[in-house]
Each structure stands twice: as C-alpha cells, then as structure tokens.
Amino acid sequence: MNPTAATDVTTIERISHDEAMAITRVENRKFLEQLHSLDTHDWSRPTACDRWDVRAVAAHVVGGAAGQISPREFLRQVRAGRPLMEQIGAQYWWDGMNEIQVRERSTLPTADLIAEWERNAERARAARTRMPRLITRLPLLNLPAPVGRQPLAYLFDIGFTRDVWAHRMDIAAATDRPMDLDPAHDGRIVADIVAEWAATHGEPFVVELTGPAGGTYTSGSGGETVSLDALDLVAVLSGRAQGEGVLRNTLPL
C-alpha cells in the first residue's frame, strides 16, 4: 500500500475465499520461517496475550491448524476446552479451546512443535479450501460485538489466517525482532481489517498507517485524522492496546 495515496474504505474489495487461501499459503510460510528464526531464550518471552509466552502462542497456532484439518478434532478441542473456561476466567468457548491447544503441547520439544506446524499447516489450508460453500454460508457463529452473527466462512476463510498473522505480530514484538512485512501480503490483510472495522462503527476518519503494511484510508468526511504504524493500529483494534477517539472502536480478530 502507498501511504500517500488515500483509499476510500468503501472501495476496498473484501478478501474472497480464493484470495484468502492464497494469502494463507504465504502466511503459513512466513510463520514457519519465524519459528525457525527463534533462539532458545525467545520461546519463554512474555507476549501481549494474557498468560501466554511465545511458546504458548506458537502452540495455540499449531493446535488451531490441527483442528482445522478435521471437524472431529475441532469439536474435540471445543469440548475439552469447556471445563477450562471457569478455571482461566474465560467468557467464550474458543478461549477454552485455545487453552487446550496450548496445554496439550506444553511438554513438546520446540523442534516437535515446529515439525507439527510444518506437517499440518498446508493440510489445514487444504481442508479449509475444500469446505462446501453451502456449509460455510451457514450463520452459525455468534461472535462478540461489533462482529455479531456471521457465517462459518468468516472464520474459515480469512479469520484463521488473521489469527496466525496477529500472533506472528505478537511473537515479533515479544522477541524484539522485525516482522516480515510486504505491501502485497501484509498490506492486503491490514486493508481488509480496516474495511471491516470501518463498516462496524460508521464514524468518519482519515487513518494514516506507516510501515510496509501501511496506507492511508478515509471514511466519510469531517472525521478525525489518526496517524500510527499499521501494526499499532491492529494492536489497538484487537484489544492488545488502548485507543481513543475513533480508535476506541475495536474489532476482535
């Protein structure tokens, strides 16, 4: 994205299923490369995710891929995670599911954790690619406001990939390493997030995002102008950091 060329958010074409699967292939590779780049001390560093260090974040992402491969495994993780919700103070079923993904991999050597991602990432993408459209159109997801009721495609098309991307951001920040960013891939993910976010709150704005994933986005007229790094915007929208003004509007990722 060219940060000097303003884009009206209403002109941003949302990421389709086919494009999402292409983006997922690239993101899976980038996440694998990031895991391989970590040294021994990096794995225990705390992240912006409550209670999770880098290793736990990686275990969640790896466990998520396992659930995407098989509906039976997905449901098993959901059921196994429900008893943990009260224990960890969770409000949503997916928090328990995420916790079981982490706990079940807590004793795995890091090399085995990386190997599981290497083995399953493409299998998970392929399974998501094959999901019948009649099923993914079913409005079975009841997500926190402002997202609300959504079809399964919201999660299985780009939602899971956003999650990997955001956690790659978490790991980069925790280890004080630059995140591998480029406009075509990362900028497209950010643009899609901005477009959805703008539609959920309807307030006018100009958002000037710096960095390789940045761009300038406008919505309506007469709104405030906000300038920050693209990664900082996503951190605020996802609740990893606090925002004011138009940035008080969040978007769970």
C-alpha atoms as a PDB file:
ATOM      1  CA  MET A   1       0.000   0.000   0.000  1.00  0.00           C
ATOM      2  CA  ASN A   2       1.216   3.504  -0.825  1.00  0.00           C
ATOM      3  CA  PRO A   3       0.806   5.551   2.360  1.00  0.00           C
ATOM      4  CA  THR A   4       0.474   8.768   0.326  1.00  0.00           C
ATOM      5  CA  ALA A   5      -2.463   7.620  -1.832  1.00  0.00           C
ATOM      6  CA  ALA A   6      -5.720   7.811   0.149  1.00  0.00           C
ATOM      7  CA  THR A   7      -8.149   4.931  -0.295  1.00  0.00           C
ATOM      8  CA  ASP A   8     -11.852   5.252   0.417  1.00  0.00           C
ATOM      9  CA  VAL A   9     -12.691   2.227   2.577  1.00  0.00           C
ATOM     10  CA  THR A  10     -15.898   1.628   0.629  1.00  0.00           C
ATOM     11  CA  THR A  11     -13.815   0.845  -2.466  1.00  0.00           C
ATOM     12  CA  ILE A  12     -11.784  -1.889  -0.768  1.00  0.00           C
ATOM     13  CA  GLU A  13     -12.823  -5.259  -2.143  1.00  0.00           C
ATOM     14  CA  ARG A  14     -13.109  -7.671   0.756  1.00  0.00           C
ATOM     15  CA  ILE A  15     -10.962 -10.788   0.704  1.00  0.00           C
ATOM     16  CA  SER A  16     -12.745 -13.636  -1.057  1.00  0.00           C
ATOM     17  CA  HIS A  17     -12.389 -17.346  -0.323  1.00  0.00           C
ATOM     18  CA  ASP A  18      -9.964 -17.976  -3.177  1.00  0.00           C
ATOM     19  CA  GLU A  19      -7.805 -14.980  -2.299  1.00  0.00           C
ATOM     20  CA  ALA A  20      -7.881 -15.981   1.368  1.00  0.00           C
ATOM     21  CA  MET A  21      -6.490 -19.397   0.545  1.00  0.00           C
ATOM     22  CA  ALA A  22      -3.648 -17.832  -1.460  1.00  0.00           C
ATOM     23  CA  ILE A  23      -2.914 -15.425   1.397  1.00  0.00           C
ATOM     24  CA  THR A  24      -2.973 -18.335   3.848  1.00  0.00           C
ATOM     25  CA  ARG A  25      -0.292 -20.208   1.928  1.00  0.00           C
ATOM     26  CA  VAL A  26       2.036 -17.193   2.162  1.00  0.00           C
ATOM     27  CA  GLU A  27       1.221 -16.562   5.831  1.00  0.00           C
ATOM     28  CA  ASN A  28       1.841 -20.192   6.741  1.00  0.00           C
ATOM     29  CA  ARG A  29       5.304 -19.947   5.189  1.00  0.00           C
ATOM     30  CA  LYS A  30       6.076 -16.702   6.988  1.00  0.00           C
ATOM     31  CA  PHE A  31       5.021 -18.170  10.324  1.00  0.00           C
ATOM     32  CA  LEU A  32       7.202 -21.237   9.775  1.00  0.00           C
ATOM     33  CA  GLU A  33      10.191 -19.049   8.932  1.00  0.00           C
ATOM     34  CA  GLN A  34       9.571 -17.024  12.086  1.00  0.00           C
ATOM     35  CA  LEU A  35       9.507 -20.142  14.265  1.00  0.00           C
ATOM     36  CA  HIS A  36      12.774 -21.340  12.749  1.00  0.00           C
ATOM     37  CA  SER A  37      14.370 -17.954  13.477  1.00  0.00           C
ATOM     38  CA  LEU A  38      13.733 -18.090  17.240  1.00  0.00           C
ATOM     39  CA  ASP A  39      16.569 -18.881  19.611  1.00  0.00           C
ATOM     40  CA  THR A  40      16.351 -20.796  22.878  1.00  0.00           C
ATOM     41  CA  HIS A  41      15.613 -17.742  25.028  1.00  0.00           C
ATOM     42  CA  ASP A  42      12.940 -16.350  22.689  1.00  0.00           C
ATOM     43  CA  TRP A  43      10.431 -19.117  23.419  1.00  0.00           C
ATOM     44  CA  SER A  44       9.926 -18.097  27.046  1.00  0.00           C
ATOM     45  CA  ARG A  45       9.477 -14.376  26.448  1.00  0.00           C
ATOM     46  CA  PRO A  46       6.095 -12.914  27.514  1.00  0.00           C
ATOM     47  CA  THR A  47       3.708 -11.663  24.831  1.00  0.00           C
ATOM     48  CA  ALA A  48       0.784  -9.241  24.676  1.00  0.00           C
ATOM     49  CA  CYS A  49      -1.525 -12.260  25.049  1.00  0.00           C
ATOM     50  CA  ASP A  50      -2.538 -12.774  28.686  1.00  0.00           C
ATOM     51  CA  ARG A  51      -0.799 -15.764  30.330  1.00  0.00           C
ATOM     52  CA  TRP A  52       0.967 -16.773  27.116  1.00  0.00           C
ATOM     53  CA  ASP A  53       4.655 -16.666  26.344  1.00  0.00           C
ATOM     54  CA  VAL A  54       5.995 -17.108  22.811  1.00  0.00           C
ATOM     55  CA  ARG A  55       5.895 -20.872  23.102  1.00  0.00           C
ATOM     56  CA  ALA A  56       2.246 -20.855  24.184  1.00  0.00           C
ATOM     57  CA  VAL A  57       1.316 -18.558  21.298  1.00  0.00           C
ATOM     58  CA  ALA A  58       3.013 -20.937  18.878  1.00  0.00           C
ATOM     59  CA  ALA A  59       1.289 -23.933  20.485  1.00  0.00           C
ATOM     60  CA  HIS A  60      -2.105 -22.249  20.050  1.00  0.00           C
ATOM     61  CA  VAL A  61      -1.455 -21.579  16.367  1.00  0.00           C
ATOM     62  CA  VAL A  62      -0.193 -25.123  15.801  1.00  0.00           C
ATOM     63  CA  GLY A  63      -3.153 -26.590  17.685  1.00  0.00           C
ATOM     64  CA  GLY A  64      -5.533 -24.451  15.677  1.00  0.00           C
ATOM     65  CA  ALA A  65      -4.232 -25.975  12.458  1.00  0.00           C
ATOM     66  CA  ALA A  66      -4.879 -29.469  13.826  1.00  0.00           C
ATOM     67  CA  GLY A  67      -8.495 -28.518  14.488  1.00  0.00           C
ATOM     68  CA  GLN A  68      -8.959 -27.086  11.024  1.00  0.00           C
ATOM     69  CA  ILE A  69      -7.916 -30.351   9.387  1.00  0.00           C
ATOM     70  CA  SER A  70     -10.641 -32.431  10.980  1.00  0.00           C
ATOM     71  CA  PRO A  71     -14.167 -31.475  12.149  1.00  0.00           C
ATOM     72  CA  ARG A  72     -13.895 -34.295  14.702  1.00  0.00           C
ATOM     73  CA  GLU A  73     -10.693 -32.801  16.139  1.00  0.00           C
ATOM     74  CA  PHE A  74     -12.208 -29.314  16.100  1.00  0.00           C
ATOM     75  CA  LEU A  75     -15.199 -30.488  18.142  1.00  0.00           C
ATOM     76  CA  ARG A  76     -12.939 -32.485  20.472  1.00  0.00           C
ATOM     77  CA  GLN A  77     -10.947 -29.342  21.230  1.00  0.00           C
ATOM     78  CA  VAL A  78     -14.136 -27.363  21.857  1.00  0.00           C
ATOM     79  CA  ARG A  79     -15.473 -29.987  24.277  1.00  0.00           C
ATOM     80  CA  ALA A  80     -12.141 -30.491  26.029  1.00  0.00           C
ATOM     81  CA  GLY A  81     -11.775 -26.744  26.477  1.00  0.00           C
ATOM     82  CA  ARG A  82     -15.182 -26.043  28.015  1.00  0.00           C
ATOM     83  CA  PRO A  83     -14.244 -27.288  31.519  1.00  0.00           C
ATOM     84  CA  LEU A  84     -11.249 -24.926  31.480  1.00  0.00           C
ATOM     85  CA  MET A  85     -13.284 -21.778  30.888  1.00  0.00           C
ATOM     86  CA  GLU A  86     -14.101 -21.114  34.534  1.00  0.00           C
ATOM     87  CA  GLN A  87     -10.573 -22.014  35.577  1.00  0.00           C
ATOM     88  CA  ILE A  88      -8.989 -19.389  33.310  1.00  0.00           C
ATOM     89  CA  GLY A  89     -11.779 -16.836  33.683  1.00  0.00           C
ATOM     90  CA  ALA A  90     -12.870 -17.163  30.067  1.00  0.00           C
ATOM     91  CA  GLN A  91     -16.098 -15.781  28.650  1.00  0.00           C
ATOM     92  CA  TYR A  92     -16.155 -17.521  25.274  1.00  0.00           C
ATOM     93  CA  TRP A  93     -15.924 -21.176  24.256  1.00  0.00           C
ATOM     94  CA  TRP A  94     -12.982 -20.531  21.957  1.00  0.00           C
ATOM     95  CA  ASP A  95     -10.886 -19.348  24.895  1.00  0.00           C
ATOM     96  CA  GLY A  96     -11.187 -22.795  26.423  1.00  0.00           C
ATOM     97  CA  MET A  97     -10.410 -24.346  23.059  1.00  0.00           C
ATOM     98  CA  ASN A  98      -7.305 -22.196  22.701  1.00  0.00           C
ATOM     99  CA  GLU A  99      -6.208 -23.169  26.205  1.00  0.00           C
ATOM    100  CA  ILE A 100      -6.477 -26.883  25.486  1.00  0.00           C
ATOM    101  CA  GLN A 101      -4.375 -26.403  22.338  1.00  0.00           C
ATOM    102  CA  VAL A 102      -1.643 -24.847  24.472  1.00  0.00           C
ATOM    103  CA  ARG A 103      -1.816 -27.315  27.363  1.00  0.00           C
ATOM    104  CA  GLU A 104      -1.763 -30.398  25.164  1.00  0.00           C
ATOM    105  CA  ARG A 105       1.504 -29.195  23.618  1.00  0.00           C
ATOM    106  CA  SER A 106       3.129 -27.865  26.771  1.00  0.00           C
ATOM    107  CA  THR A 107       5.680 -30.687  27.013  1.00  0.00           C
ATOM    108  CA  LEU A 108       6.537 -30.938  23.330  1.00  0.00           C
ATOM    109  CA  PRO A 109      10.121 -30.007  22.438  1.00  0.00           C
ATOM    110  CA  THR A 110      10.153 -26.855  20.332  1.00  0.00           C
ATOM    111  CA  ALA A 111      11.518 -28.838  17.389  1.00  0.00           C
ATOM    112  CA  ASP A 112       8.443 -31.089  17.533  1.00  0.00           C
ATOM    113  CA  LEU A 113       6.153 -28.077  17.775  1.00  0.00           C
ATOM    114  CA  ILE A 114       7.700 -26.623  14.632  1.00  0.00           C
ATOM    115  CA  ALA A 115       7.504 -30.005  12.920  1.00  0.00           C
ATOM    116  CA  GLU A 116       3.787 -30.249  13.700  1.00  0.00           C
ATOM    117  CA  TRP A 117       3.199 -26.876  12.040  1.00  0.00           C
ATOM    118  CA  GLU A 118       5.303 -27.917   9.058  1.00  0.00           C
ATOM    119  CA  ARG A 119       3.282 -31.126   8.780  1.00  0.00           C
ATOM    120  CA  ASN A 120      -0.199 -29.679   9.284  1.00  0.00           C
ATOM    121  CA  ALA A 121      -0.281 -26.086   8.018  1.00  0.00           C
ATOM    122  CA  GLU A 122      -0.872 -26.984   4.393  1.00  0.00           C
ATOM    123  CA  ARG A 123      -3.254 -29.793   5.341  1.00  0.00           C
ATOM    124  CA  ALA A 124      -5.311 -27.263   7.302  1.00  0.00           C
ATOM    125  CA  ARG A 125      -5.361 -24.845   4.385  1.00  0.00           C
ATOM    126  CA  ALA A 126      -6.407 -27.635   2.024  1.00  0.00           C
ATOM    127  CA  ALA A 127      -9.240 -28.677   4.353  1.00  0.00           C
ATOM    128  CA  ARG A 128     -10.494 -25.097   4.511  1.00  0.00           C
ATOM    129  CA  THR A 129     -10.288 -24.894   0.721  1.00  0.00           C
ATOM    130  CA  ARG A 130     -12.448 -27.997   0.338  1.00  0.00           C
ATOM    131  CA  MET A 131     -15.207 -26.971   2.749  1.00  0.00           C
ATOM    132  CA  PRO A 132     -18.519 -26.927   0.841  1.00  0.00           C
ATOM    133  CA  ARG A 133     -19.805 -23.397   0.294  1.00  0.00           C
ATOM    134  CA  LEU A 134     -23.288 -24.463   1.377  1.00  0.00           C
ATOM    135  CA  ILE A 135     -21.845 -25.250   4.806  1.00  0.00           C
ATOM    136  CA  THR A 136     -19.602 -22.216   5.137  1.00  0.00           C
ATOM    137  CA  ARG A 137     -22.546 -19.922   4.362  1.00  0.00           C
ATOM    138  CA  LEU A 138     -24.432 -21.136   7.433  1.00  0.00           C
ATOM    139  CA  PRO A 139     -24.681 -18.292  10.021  1.00  0.00           C
ATOM    140  CA  LEU A 140     -23.526 -20.447  12.934  1.00  0.00           C
ATOM    141  CA  LEU A 141     -21.022 -18.064  14.530  1.00  0.00           C
ATOM    142  CA  ASN A 142     -22.183 -15.738  17.288  1.00  0.00           C
ATOM    143  CA  LEU A 143     -19.157 -13.510  17.856  1.00  0.00           C
ATOM    144  CA  PRO A 144     -18.633 -10.587  20.268  1.00  0.00           C
ATOM    145  CA  ALA A 145     -19.878  -7.139  19.288  1.00  0.00           C
ATOM    146  CA  PRO A 146     -19.451  -5.439  16.943  1.00  0.00           C
ATOM    147  CA  VAL A 147     -18.994  -8.528  14.729  1.00  0.00           C
ATOM    148  CA  GLY A 148     -22.080 -10.447  15.846  1.00  0.00           C
ATOM    149  CA  ARG A 149     -23.706 -13.246  13.871  1.00  0.00           C
ATOM    150  CA  GLN A 150     -21.529 -14.484  10.989  1.00  0.00           C
ATOM    151  CA  PRO A 151     -21.352 -17.434   8.591  1.00  0.00           C
ATOM    152  CA  LEU A 152     -18.692 -20.096   9.117  1.00  0.00           C
ATOM    153  CA  ALA A 153     -16.801 -18.613   6.169  1.00  0.00           C
ATOM    154  CA  TYR A 154     -15.948 -15.585   8.312  1.00  0.00           C
ATOM    155  CA  LEU A 155     -13.710 -17.833  10.390  1.00  0.00           C
ATOM    156  CA  PHE A 156     -12.612 -20.492   7.920  1.00  0.00           C
ATOM    157  CA  ASP A 157     -11.796 -18.188   5.009  1.00  0.00           C
ATOM    158  CA  ILE A 158      -9.670 -15.340   6.395  1.00  0.00           C
ATOM    159  CA  GLY A 159     -10.375 -15.410  10.157  1.00  0.00           C
ATOM    160  CA  PHE A 160      -7.960 -18.212  10.994  1.00  0.00           C
ATOM    161  CA  THR A 161      -5.293 -16.594   8.823  1.00  0.00           C
ATOM    162  CA  ARG A 162      -5.746 -13.237  10.533  1.00  0.00           C
ATOM    163  CA  ASP A 163      -5.154 -15.083  13.786  1.00  0.00           C
ATOM    164  CA  VAL A 164      -1.839 -16.511  12.579  1.00  0.00           C
ATOM    165  CA  TRP A 165      -0.827 -13.081  11.254  1.00  0.00           C
ATOM    166  CA  ALA A 166      -1.686 -11.324  14.528  1.00  0.00           C
ATOM    167  CA  HIS A 167       0.234 -13.902  16.542  1.00  0.00           C
ATOM    168  CA  ARG A 168       3.213 -13.524  14.227  1.00  0.00           C
ATOM    169  CA  MET A 169       2.990  -9.853  15.165  1.00  0.00           C
ATOM    170  CA  ASP A 170       2.893 -10.827  18.865  1.00  0.00           C
ATOM    171  CA  ILE A 171       5.977 -13.009  18.556  1.00  0.00           C
ATOM    172  CA  ALA A 172       7.908 -10.340  16.656  1.00  0.00           C
ATOM    173  CA  ALA A 173       7.100  -7.750  19.337  1.00  0.00           C
ATOM    174  CA  ALA A 174       7.920 -10.134  22.208  1.00  0.00           C
ATOM    175  CA  THR A 175      11.304 -11.089  20.768  1.00  0.00           C
ATOM    176  CA  ASP A 176      12.155  -7.577  19.584  1.00  0.00           C
ATOM    177  CA  ARG A 177      12.630  -8.843  16.031  1.00  0.00           C
ATOM    178  CA  PRO A 178      11.302  -7.159  12.888  1.00  0.00           C
ATOM    179  CA  MET A 179       8.170  -8.721  11.446  1.00  0.00           C
ATOM    180  CA  ASP A 180       8.498  -9.888   7.846  1.00  0.00           C
ATOM    181  CA  LEU A 181       6.156  -7.440   6.111  1.00  0.00           C
ATOM    182  CA  ASP A 182       5.420  -6.599   2.498  1.00  0.00           C
ATOM    183  CA  PRO A 183       2.662  -4.466   0.950  1.00  0.00           C
ATOM    184  CA  ALA A 184       1.146  -7.157  -1.272  1.00  0.00           C
ATOM    185  CA  HIS A 185       0.583  -9.672   1.520  1.00  0.00           C
ATOM    186  CA  ASP A 186       0.562  -7.878   4.860  1.00  0.00           C
ATOM    187  CA  GLY A 187      -0.820  -4.637   3.440  1.00  0.00           C
ATOM    188  CA  ARG A 188      -3.740  -6.545   1.956  1.00  0.00           C
ATOM    189  CA  ILE A 189      -4.556  -8.136   5.320  1.00  0.00           C
ATOM    190  CA  VAL A 190      -4.443  -4.750   7.035  1.00  0.00           C
ATOM    191  CA  ALA A 191      -6.616  -3.121   4.350  1.00  0.00           C
ATOM    192  CA  ASP A 192      -9.248  -5.841   4.786  1.00  0.00           C
ATOM    193  CA  ILE A 193      -9.213  -5.324   8.556  1.00  0.00           C
ATOM    194  CA  VAL A 194      -9.613  -1.554   8.132  1.00  0.00           C
ATOM    195  CA  ALA A 195     -12.517  -2.019   5.721  1.00  0.00           C
ATOM    196  CA  GLU A 196     -14.366  -4.320   8.128  1.00  0.00           C
ATOM    197  CA  TRP A 197     -13.604  -2.103  11.116  1.00  0.00           C
ATOM    198  CA  ALA A 198     -14.922   0.990   9.335  1.00  0.00           C
ATOM    199  CA  ALA A 199     -18.160  -0.791   8.466  1.00  0.00           C
ATOM    200  CA  THR A 200     -18.772  -1.824  12.078  1.00  0.00           C
ATOM    201  CA  HIS A 201     -18.728   1.668  13.610  1.00  0.00           C
ATOM    202  CA  GLY A 202     -19.612   4.049  10.758  1.00  0.00           C
ATOM    203  CA  GLU A 203     -17.660   7.046  12.075  1.00  0.00           C
ATOM    204  CA  PRO A 204     -15.798   9.264   9.585  1.00  0.00           C
ATOM    205  CA  PHE A 205     -11.991   9.207   9.748  1.00  0.00           C
ATOM    206  CA  VAL A 206      -8.674   9.517   7.982  1.00  0.00           C
ATOM    207  CA  VAL A 207      -6.223   6.850   9.129  1.00  0.00           C
ATOM    208  CA  GLU A 208      -2.620   7.249   8.005  1.00  0.00           C
ATOM    209  CA  LEU A 209      -0.757   3.991   8.549  1.00  0.00           C
ATOM    210  CA  THR A 210       3.008   3.865   8.280  1.00  0.00           C
ATOM    211  CA  GLY A 211       5.271   0.899   7.630  1.00  0.00           C
ATOM    212  CA  PRO A 212       5.372  -1.704   4.838  1.00  0.00           C
ATOM    213  CA  ALA A 213       1.806  -2.830   5.613  1.00  0.00           C
ATOM    214  CA  GLY A 214       0.514   0.735   5.786  1.00  0.00           C
ATOM    215  CA  GLY A 215      -1.656   3.003   3.694  1.00  0.00           C
ATOM    216  CA  THR A 216      -3.963   5.991   4.042  1.00  0.00           C
ATOM    217  CA  TYR A 217      -7.651   5.205   4.424  1.00  0.00           C
ATOM    218  CA  THR A 218     -10.645   7.521   4.521  1.00  0.00           C
ATOM    219  CA  SER A 219     -14.254   7.080   5.546  1.00  0.00           C
ATOM    220  CA  GLY A 220     -16.810   9.829   5.106  1.00  0.00           C
ATOM    221  CA  SER A 221     -15.834  13.439   5.757  1.00  0.00           C
ATOM    222  CA  GLY A 222     -15.201  15.643   8.736  1.00  0.00           C
ATOM    223  CA  GLY A 223     -13.730  12.918  10.918  1.00  0.00           C
ATOM    224  CA  GLU A 224     -10.519  12.964  12.892  1.00  0.00           C
ATOM    225  CA  THR A 225      -7.144  12.150  11.364  1.00  0.00           C
ATOM    226  CA  VAL A 226      -5.119   9.468  13.097  1.00  0.00           C
ATOM    227  CA  SER A 227      -1.516   8.579  12.244  1.00  0.00           C
ATOM    228  CA  LEU A 228       0.238   5.465  13.536  1.00  0.00           C
ATOM    229  CA  ASP A 229       2.071   2.358  12.407  1.00  0.00           C
ATOM    230  CA  ALA A 230      -0.090  -0.305  10.764  1.00  0.00           C
ATOM    231  CA  LEU A 231       0.872  -2.869  13.414  1.00  0.00           C
ATOM    232  CA  ASP A 232      -0.003  -0.441  16.190  1.00  0.00           C
ATOM    233  CA  LEU A 233      -3.454   0.019  14.661  1.00  0.00           C
ATOM    234  CA  VAL A 234      -4.089  -3.722  14.667  1.00  0.00           C
ATOM    235  CA  ALA A 235      -2.834  -3.932  18.254  1.00  0.00           C
ATOM    236  CA  VAL A 236      -5.368  -1.288  19.287  1.00  0.00           C
ATOM    237  CA  LEU A 237      -8.303  -2.697  17.319  1.00  0.00           C
ATOM    238  CA  SER A 238      -7.697  -6.200  18.678  1.00  0.00           C
ATOM    239  CA  GLY A 239      -7.547  -5.031  22.291  1.00  0.00           C
ATOM    240  CA  ARG A 240      -3.811  -5.514  22.735  1.00  0.00           C
ATOM    241  CA  ALA A 241      -3.508  -1.755  23.374  1.00  0.00           C
ATOM    242  CA  GLN A 242      -5.865   1.073  24.274  1.00  0.00           C
ATOM    243  CA  GLY A 243      -7.261   3.544  21.761  1.00  0.00           C
ATOM    244  CA  GLU A 244      -9.048   6.882  21.973  1.00  0.00           C
ATOM    245  CA  GLY A 245     -11.359   8.782  19.649  1.00  0.00           C
ATOM    246  CA  VAL A 246     -12.271   6.723  16.617  1.00  0.00           C
ATOM    247  CA  LEU A 247      -9.754   4.102  17.810  1.00  0.00           C
ATOM    248  CA  ARG A 248     -11.940   3.342  20.817  1.00  0.00           C
ATOM    249  CA  ASN A 249     -13.926   1.173  18.384  1.00  0.00           C
ATOM    250  CA  THR A 250     -12.485  -2.313  18.499  1.00  0.00           C
ATOM    251  CA  LEU A 251     -12.596  -5.303  16.147  1.00  0.00           C
ATOM    252  CA  PRO A 252     -11.925  -8.729  17.692  1.00  0.00           C
ATOM    253  CA  LEU A 253      -9.557 -10.668  15.442  1.00  0.00           C
END
